[in-house]
Every structure is written in structure tokens, then in C-alpha cells.
Protein backbone atom coordinates (compact mmCIF):
# COMPACT_ATOMS: atom_id res chain seq x y z
CA MET A 1 -9.08 30.35 55.22
CA ALA A 2 -9.57 27.16 57.23
CA GLY A 3 -8.09 24.22 55.41
CA GLU A 4 -6.59 26.36 52.68
CA GLY A 5 -4.54 24.27 50.27
CA LEU A 6 -6.09 20.97 51.34
CA ARG A 7 -7.50 18.48 48.85
CA ILE A 8 -10.64 16.76 50.15
CA GLY A 9 -12.44 13.73 48.80
CA PHE A 10 -15.11 11.31 49.99
CA ALA A 11 -15.99 7.64 49.92
CA VAL A 12 -18.88 6.84 47.61
CA PRO A 13 -22.03 5.45 49.32
CA GLN A 14 -21.28 1.78 48.73
CA LEU A 15 -21.69 -0.11 52.00
CA GLY A 16 -24.38 -0.62 54.62
CA PRO A 17 -27.76 1.10 54.38
CA GLN A 18 -26.37 3.52 51.79
CA ALA A 19 -25.75 0.63 49.40
CA HIS A 20 -29.48 0.00 49.16
CA GLN A 21 -29.81 3.41 47.51
CA GLY A 22 -27.30 2.65 44.79
CA ARG A 23 -29.49 4.39 42.22
CA ARG A 24 -28.50 7.70 43.93
CA ILE A 25 -24.74 7.26 43.52
CA ALA A 26 -24.55 9.18 40.23
CA TRP A 27 -26.43 12.06 41.87
CA PHE A 28 -24.09 11.96 44.89
CA ALA A 29 -21.01 12.06 42.70
CA GLY A 30 -22.28 14.95 40.61
CA GLU A 31 -23.26 17.00 43.65
CA LEU A 32 -19.87 16.58 45.31
CA GLU A 33 -17.91 17.32 42.17
CA ALA A 34 -19.93 20.49 41.63
CA ALA A 35 -19.23 21.51 45.23
CA GLY A 36 -15.47 21.19 44.75
CA ALA A 37 -14.56 17.72 46.01
CA ASP A 38 -11.19 16.57 44.72
CA SER A 39 -11.68 12.80 44.70
CA LEU A 40 -14.23 10.01 45.14
CA TRP A 41 -13.40 6.51 46.40
CA VAL A 42 -14.72 2.96 46.56
CA GLY A 43 -13.66 0.06 48.77
CA ASP A 44 -13.78 -3.71 48.47
CA ARG A 45 -15.63 -6.31 50.51
CA VAL A 46 -16.43 -9.76 49.17
CA LEU A 47 -18.56 -10.99 52.07
CA ALA A 48 -19.15 -10.63 55.80
CA ALA A 49 -18.47 -13.99 57.45
CA THR A 50 -21.04 -15.14 59.99
CA ASN A 51 -18.37 -16.56 62.29
CA PRO A 52 -15.19 -14.72 61.30
CA THR A 53 -11.80 -16.22 62.01
CA VAL A 54 -10.45 -12.66 62.12
CA GLY A 55 -12.62 -9.67 62.95
CA TYR A 56 -12.36 -6.17 61.58
CA GLY A 57 -9.92 -3.61 62.97
CA GLY A 58 -8.59 -5.75 65.80
CA THR A 59 -12.03 -6.81 67.03
CA ASP A 60 -13.68 -10.23 66.95
CA ARG A 61 -16.59 -9.13 64.78
CA ILE A 62 -17.47 -7.69 61.40
CA PRO A 63 -19.49 -4.44 61.30
CA ALA A 64 -23.11 -4.68 60.22
CA GLU A 65 -22.33 -2.13 57.49
CA PHE A 66 -20.31 -4.83 55.71
CA HIS A 67 -23.43 -6.98 55.31
CA SER A 68 -24.46 -4.90 52.27
CA VAL A 69 -21.96 -3.98 49.57
CA LEU A 70 -21.98 -2.78 45.99
CA ASP A 71 -19.36 -4.04 43.55
CA PRO A 72 -16.41 -1.61 43.45
CA PHE A 73 -15.86 -1.76 39.69
CA VAL A 74 -19.52 -1.24 38.79
CA THR A 75 -19.81 1.55 41.36
CA LEU A 76 -16.70 3.37 40.17
CA GLY A 77 -17.85 3.03 36.56
CA VAL A 78 -21.08 4.82 37.48
CA VAL A 79 -19.09 7.56 39.23
CA ALA A 80 -16.77 7.89 36.24
CA ALA A 81 -19.71 8.42 33.91
CA ALA A 82 -21.37 10.94 36.25
CA THR A 83 -18.29 13.16 36.71
CA GLY A 84 -15.65 14.84 34.59
CA ARG A 85 -12.97 16.23 36.91
CA VAL A 86 -12.54 14.43 40.26
CA ARG A 87 -9.92 11.74 40.72
CA LEU A 88 -11.41 8.27 41.18
CA GLY A 89 -9.75 5.97 43.69
CA THR A 90 -9.97 2.48 45.13
CA ASN A 91 -9.11 2.26 48.81
CA VAL A 92 -8.55 -0.51 48.64
CA LEU A 93 -9.04 -3.39 46.23
CA ILE A 94 -7.89 -6.66 47.77
CA ALA A 95 -5.61 -7.31 44.83
CA PRO A 96 -4.64 -10.97 45.54
CA LEU A 97 -8.30 -12.01 45.26
CA TYR A 98 -8.37 -11.11 41.54
CA ARG A 99 -6.74 -12.74 38.57
CA PRO A 100 -4.41 -10.11 37.06
CA ALA A 101 -5.87 -10.23 33.55
CA LEU A 102 -9.40 -9.58 34.85
CA LEU A 103 -8.17 -6.89 37.26
CA ALA A 104 -6.27 -5.15 34.46
CA ARG A 105 -9.35 -5.23 32.22
CA SER A 106 -11.59 -3.66 34.86
CA LEU A 107 -9.12 -0.95 35.83
CA THR A 108 -8.26 -0.13 32.23
CA SER A 109 -11.97 0.24 31.47
CA ILE A 110 -12.46 2.69 34.34
CA ASP A 111 -9.41 4.72 33.37
CA VAL A 112 -10.59 4.92 29.76
CA ILE A 113 -14.21 5.76 30.65
CA SER A 114 -13.07 8.45 33.10
CA GLY A 115 -10.55 10.00 30.72
CA GLY A 116 -7.55 9.06 32.86
CA ARG A 117 -8.67 9.84 36.42
CA LEU A 118 -8.13 6.50 38.17
CA ILE A 119 -5.98 5.91 41.27
CA ALA A 120 -5.52 2.15 41.68
CA GLY A 121 -5.27 1.55 45.42
CA PHE A 122 -4.47 -1.98 46.60
CA GLY A 123 -4.10 -3.94 49.82
CA ILE A 124 -3.97 -7.55 50.98
CA GLY A 125 -7.06 -7.64 53.20
CA TRP A 126 -7.50 -9.35 56.57
CA SER A 127 -10.38 -11.83 56.17
CA PRO A 128 -9.52 -15.52 55.64
CA GLU A 129 -13.15 -16.14 54.69
CA GLU A 130 -12.95 -13.66 51.81
CA TYR A 131 -9.92 -15.51 50.49
CA ALA A 132 -11.76 -18.82 50.88
CA ALA A 133 -14.72 -17.43 48.94
CA ALA A 134 -12.37 -16.40 46.12
CA GLU A 135 -10.60 -19.80 46.33
CA VAL A 136 -7.26 -18.08 46.89
CA PRO A 137 -4.82 -19.20 49.66
CA PHE A 138 -4.66 -16.75 52.56
CA ALA A 139 -0.98 -17.54 53.22
CA ARG A 140 1.72 -15.64 51.30
CA ARG A 141 -0.75 -12.98 50.26
CA GLY A 142 1.96 -10.32 50.40
CA ALA A 143 4.02 -12.24 47.85
CA ARG A 144 0.89 -12.76 45.77
CA LEU A 145 0.30 -8.98 45.85
CA ASP A 146 3.83 -8.36 44.55
CA GLU A 147 3.31 -10.75 41.67
CA THR A 148 -0.09 -9.25 40.90
CA LEU A 149 1.52 -5.81 40.68
CA ASP A 150 4.25 -7.24 38.43
CA ALA A 151 1.61 -8.80 36.20
CA LEU A 152 -0.41 -5.59 35.96
CA GLN A 153 2.67 -3.61 35.00
CA ALA A 154 3.57 -6.22 32.39
CA ILE A 155 0.07 -6.08 30.90
CA TRP A 156 0.05 -2.30 30.85
CA SER A 157 3.54 -1.86 29.43
CA SER A 158 3.69 -4.19 26.43
CA ASP A 159 1.71 -5.58 23.52
CA PRO A 160 1.73 -8.56 23.23
CA ALA A 161 1.77 -8.92 27.01
CA SER A 162 2.38 -11.87 29.30
CA TYR A 163 3.56 -12.73 32.80
CA GLN A 164 4.73 -15.87 34.53
CA GLY A 165 5.19 -15.94 38.30
CA HIS A 166 5.05 -18.48 41.09
CA TYR A 167 1.51 -17.50 42.19
CA VAL A 168 -0.06 -15.86 39.14
CA SER A 169 0.39 -16.00 35.40
CA VAL A 170 -1.03 -14.37 32.28
CA PRO A 171 -0.76 -16.05 28.86
CA GLU A 172 0.67 -13.99 26.04
CA HIS A 173 -2.08 -11.92 24.50
CA ARG A 174 -2.76 -8.81 22.44
CA ARG A 175 -3.41 -5.69 24.44
CA GLU A 176 -4.25 -2.86 22.07
CA LEU A 177 -6.49 -1.01 24.55
CA GLY A 178 -4.51 0.45 27.42
CA PRO A 179 -5.10 2.98 30.18
CA VAL A 180 -5.23 6.67 29.32
CA GLN A 181 -2.59 7.38 31.99
CA LYS A 182 0.89 6.33 30.96
CA PRO A 183 2.56 4.04 31.66
CA HIS A 184 -0.41 3.07 33.83
CA PRO A 185 -2.76 4.53 36.47
CA PRO A 186 -0.90 5.48 39.65
CA ILE A 187 -0.65 2.52 42.00
CA HIS A 188 -1.17 3.33 45.69
CA LEU A 189 -0.83 0.85 48.53
CA ALA A 190 -2.31 0.65 52.00
CA ALA A 191 0.50 -0.19 54.41
CA PHE A 192 1.06 -0.33 58.16
CA THR A 193 3.70 -3.01 58.80
CA PRO A 194 7.41 -2.49 58.12
CA ALA A 195 7.37 -4.89 55.15
CA ALA A 196 4.33 -3.21 53.61
CA LEU A 197 5.74 0.29 54.11
CA ALA A 198 8.96 -0.81 52.44
CA ARG A 199 6.91 -2.11 49.50
CA VAL A 200 5.32 1.33 49.10
CA GLY A 201 8.68 3.06 48.96
CA ARG A 202 10.16 0.45 46.68
CA ARG A 203 7.48 0.32 44.02
CA ALA A 204 4.30 2.35 44.61
CA ASP A 205 3.19 5.77 43.42
CA GLY A 206 1.41 6.53 46.68
CA TRP A 207 0.71 5.54 50.29
CA LEU A 208 -2.79 5.19 51.78
CA PRO A 209 -2.70 5.53 55.58
CA VAL A 210 -5.67 5.97 57.93
CA TRP A 211 -6.62 8.63 60.51
CA ARG A 212 -9.39 7.61 62.93
CA VAL A 213 -11.99 10.01 64.34
CA PRO A 214 -12.02 9.82 67.27
CA GLY A 215 -8.68 8.13 67.42
CA PRO A 216 -5.83 7.28 69.76
CA ALA A 217 -3.26 9.82 70.85
CA GLY A 218 -0.15 9.91 68.75
CA GLN A 219 -1.74 9.32 65.35
CA GLY A 220 0.28 12.13 63.83
CA GLU A 221 3.56 10.74 65.12
CA ALA A 222 2.66 7.26 63.87
CA LEU A 223 1.89 8.55 60.38
CA ARG A 224 5.12 10.55 60.30
CA ARG A 225 7.08 7.41 61.23
CA GLY A 226 5.29 5.47 58.53
CA ARG A 227 6.08 8.09 55.94
CA ALA A 228 9.74 8.15 57.04
CA ALA A 229 9.90 4.39 56.45
CA VAL A 230 8.42 4.85 52.98
CA ASP A 231 10.97 7.55 52.17
CA THR A 232 13.87 5.41 53.41
CA ALA A 233 12.77 2.50 51.23
CA ALA A 234 12.31 4.77 48.22
CA ARG A 235 15.82 6.17 48.53
CA ALA A 236 17.26 2.66 48.95
CA ALA A 237 15.53 1.68 45.70
CA GLY A 238 16.97 4.69 43.89
CA ARG A 239 13.63 6.50 43.78
CA ASP A 240 12.73 10.07 44.65
CA PRO A 241 10.55 10.00 47.79
CA ALA A 242 8.81 13.16 46.61
CA ALA A 243 7.34 11.15 43.73
CA VAL A 244 5.36 9.01 46.23
CA GLU A 245 2.23 10.87 47.29
CA THR A 246 0.21 10.36 50.47
CA ILE A 247 -3.59 10.38 50.63
CA VAL A 248 -5.03 9.94 54.12
CA ARG A 249 -8.32 8.13 54.70
CA ILE A 250 -10.39 9.73 57.48
CA ASN A 251 -12.41 6.97 59.20
CA ALA A 252 -15.30 8.49 61.14
CA ALA A 253 -16.90 6.57 64.01
CA PRO A 254 -20.68 6.59 64.61
CA GLY A 255 -21.89 9.88 66.03
CA THR A 256 -19.13 11.96 64.43
CA GLY A 257 -20.48 15.26 63.13
CA PRO A 258 -19.32 17.45 60.23
CA GLY A 259 -17.64 19.90 62.61
CA ASP A 260 -15.71 17.09 64.28
CA LEU A 261 -14.47 15.92 60.89
CA VAL A 262 -13.34 19.38 59.85
CA VAL A 263 -11.36 19.69 63.09
CA ALA A 264 -9.89 16.23 62.54
CA ILE A 265 -8.81 16.97 58.97
CA GLU A 266 -7.14 20.21 60.01
CA ALA A 267 -5.45 18.52 62.97
CA ALA A 268 -4.20 15.68 60.78
CA ALA A 269 -2.81 18.16 58.26
CA ALA A 270 -1.11 20.21 60.98
CA GLU A 271 0.43 17.17 62.70
CA THR A 272 1.63 15.36 59.59
CA GLY A 273 2.08 17.94 56.85
CA PHE A 274 -0.03 15.84 54.49
CA ARG A 275 -2.40 17.82 52.29
CA GLU A 276 -4.74 15.30 50.69
CA PHE A 277 -7.55 13.45 52.50
CA PHE A 278 -10.76 11.61 51.87
CA VAL A 279 -13.55 11.04 54.36
CA ASP A 280 -15.46 7.78 54.80
CA LEU A 281 -19.00 8.50 56.03
CA MET A 282 -20.14 4.86 56.15
CA TYR A 283 -20.79 4.90 59.90
CA VAL A 284 -22.24 8.41 60.21
CA ALA A 285 -24.86 8.58 57.44
CA GLY A 286 -27.75 6.18 56.96
CA THR A 287 -28.77 7.45 53.54
CA VAL A 288 -27.07 8.79 50.44
CA GLU A 289 -28.73 12.15 51.00
CA GLN A 290 -27.36 12.35 54.56
CA ALA A 291 -23.91 11.44 53.29
CA ALA A 292 -24.09 14.16 50.65
CA ASP A 293 -25.31 16.74 53.16
CA THR A 294 -22.46 15.92 55.56
CA ALA A 295 -19.89 16.02 52.76
CA LEU A 296 -21.16 19.36 51.48
CA ARG A 297 -20.98 20.84 54.97
CA ILE A 298 -17.37 19.65 55.31
CA LEU A 299 -16.45 21.14 51.95
CA GLY A 300 -18.10 24.41 52.95
CA GLU A 301 -15.85 24.61 56.01
CA VAL A 302 -12.52 23.66 54.45
CA ARG A 303 -12.85 25.70 51.24
């Protein structure tokens, strides 16, 4: 069977024209879960700067799809209530933009409401304007991410809980409500640079790389090198690399059809050995119904 043994998920309609049909997200989630999807994901955009200092994906612009966005926590809460089996992921929350106590509260709520299905995926973002809007310094955001992760783990592991770092702090407080998953929801990190890949191996439960469709030659080799760097860092930290999972985001360009995506998923699996993927249909579907139809066709091919 094509795609046998693969786990396939999808991004929730959250950005661009799909966001304007937010009332259909619960329906979308239920349809995909019933069809056998393994996971559903939200992303994080604060704003789309009119004159960006840094564009998206190495360009000098920000896609029009980023002009409309639904809140990731609200959206994932709706998905949690509308489903009962699929894993629920964030790919990714720009963790340094959030105060740790508020971030922990939101993520704990989603894990509790979903019955312990949350994957907490984090990154550091790329937009100086988003940091300015959150009134957080853009510099040293990697160090701020590390402290945010430390603070989350402190909150989730003790009661009373507190944390004091150079960039973030959390006063001592009672924390009787915790996540369903123990000691906390799995923490996955997006990473491409050597320092970020080392962070994954050193402290994360998973890695969140990207496969582009269409994409440059050598994507498989690049992902294998990235995973090797993660494994090396895990071993150096005394961790078992096998305990760090990989979930690959499939980014589809405009005009990509369901058949193209099935071929891409199977090629990515064959070239990397990774078995879990989720597909972002932001650029290929203008409505929630079109996104659902495309997702169902993909699931029909890979199941």
C-alpha cells in the first residue's frame, strides 16, 4: 500500500482566506479525524508588517496569506473540543513573545481539554516587527527561548512553582492544575542552524523540519544532516537519540495538487526514513472546504 506505515496530519485552516471561515474549523477537524488523520496543527503570526525589515523565507516580502490570522490558542482549543483522538500540535509558537506563566496556562488548558494530546512546538521567529509589537527585544531571542523552556519546565514540574532567569521570571505561585501528559506535553523545536539543532538534541522531545513542494534538490540529504546533528547533540547530553522524534512539515506552494503532495510525502519518507508528516495547505486552498477536500484526497492515497 502506498505510504503504508506513514502518519499524516494537516495544518488547521487558520491563515489567509481560510481564516475568514473560522466557524468551519470544528467541522474540518472532525472530518479529518474521521478520515484517519493522525494530527492537526496551528501556527503563530502576530502581524504582517507593511514594510518588513526581514521578509518571509529569504524574500523581502510577507505573503498576503499572513494578513489574516486566527489566534493559535483559541483555534487549537476549538480543535481539541471537536476531536477525541488526533494529536494537536503547534508548529510553531514564537515562544519568546510570550510570558512563560501565560504560555504555560494556555498550553496546560489545551492539554487538559484535549485529554493529553498536545505537542508544544516552539521556535524563535524571524520578524523584528512581531517582536516590536510584543515589546520584546529581538536580540538574544535564542537565549530567551532557552529561559522560556526552563520556566515552562519549572512551572510544570513543581507546586509551588517559580523561575528566575536573566530574561524571564515567574513569581512563586500555586500550580495545582497541570497538564495531563507527565511531566509535561512533549516539547518540539523548529531548528535549521547548528546552534538550534544542538538545542533540539540537548533538550527537546522532537524536531520540526520542513520539506518544500516543489523544493530544491538535496532536501533529503539536508534533513539527514540535520537529524545527524540532533543525534550527536543528544548523545553528548547523555540522552537517547531515539527518544527525540521527527515530524516533517510539508509546505506546499501555490498550484500544488493532491497528487503532487502524495508523491512528495512518499519521496520525503524514502529519502529520509522519517515516518510522520503534516501538510500545510495555506497556499493551495482558498476555502476550508477546499482544504478539507484536498486533505481527504491525500489521506485516501496514503492509507
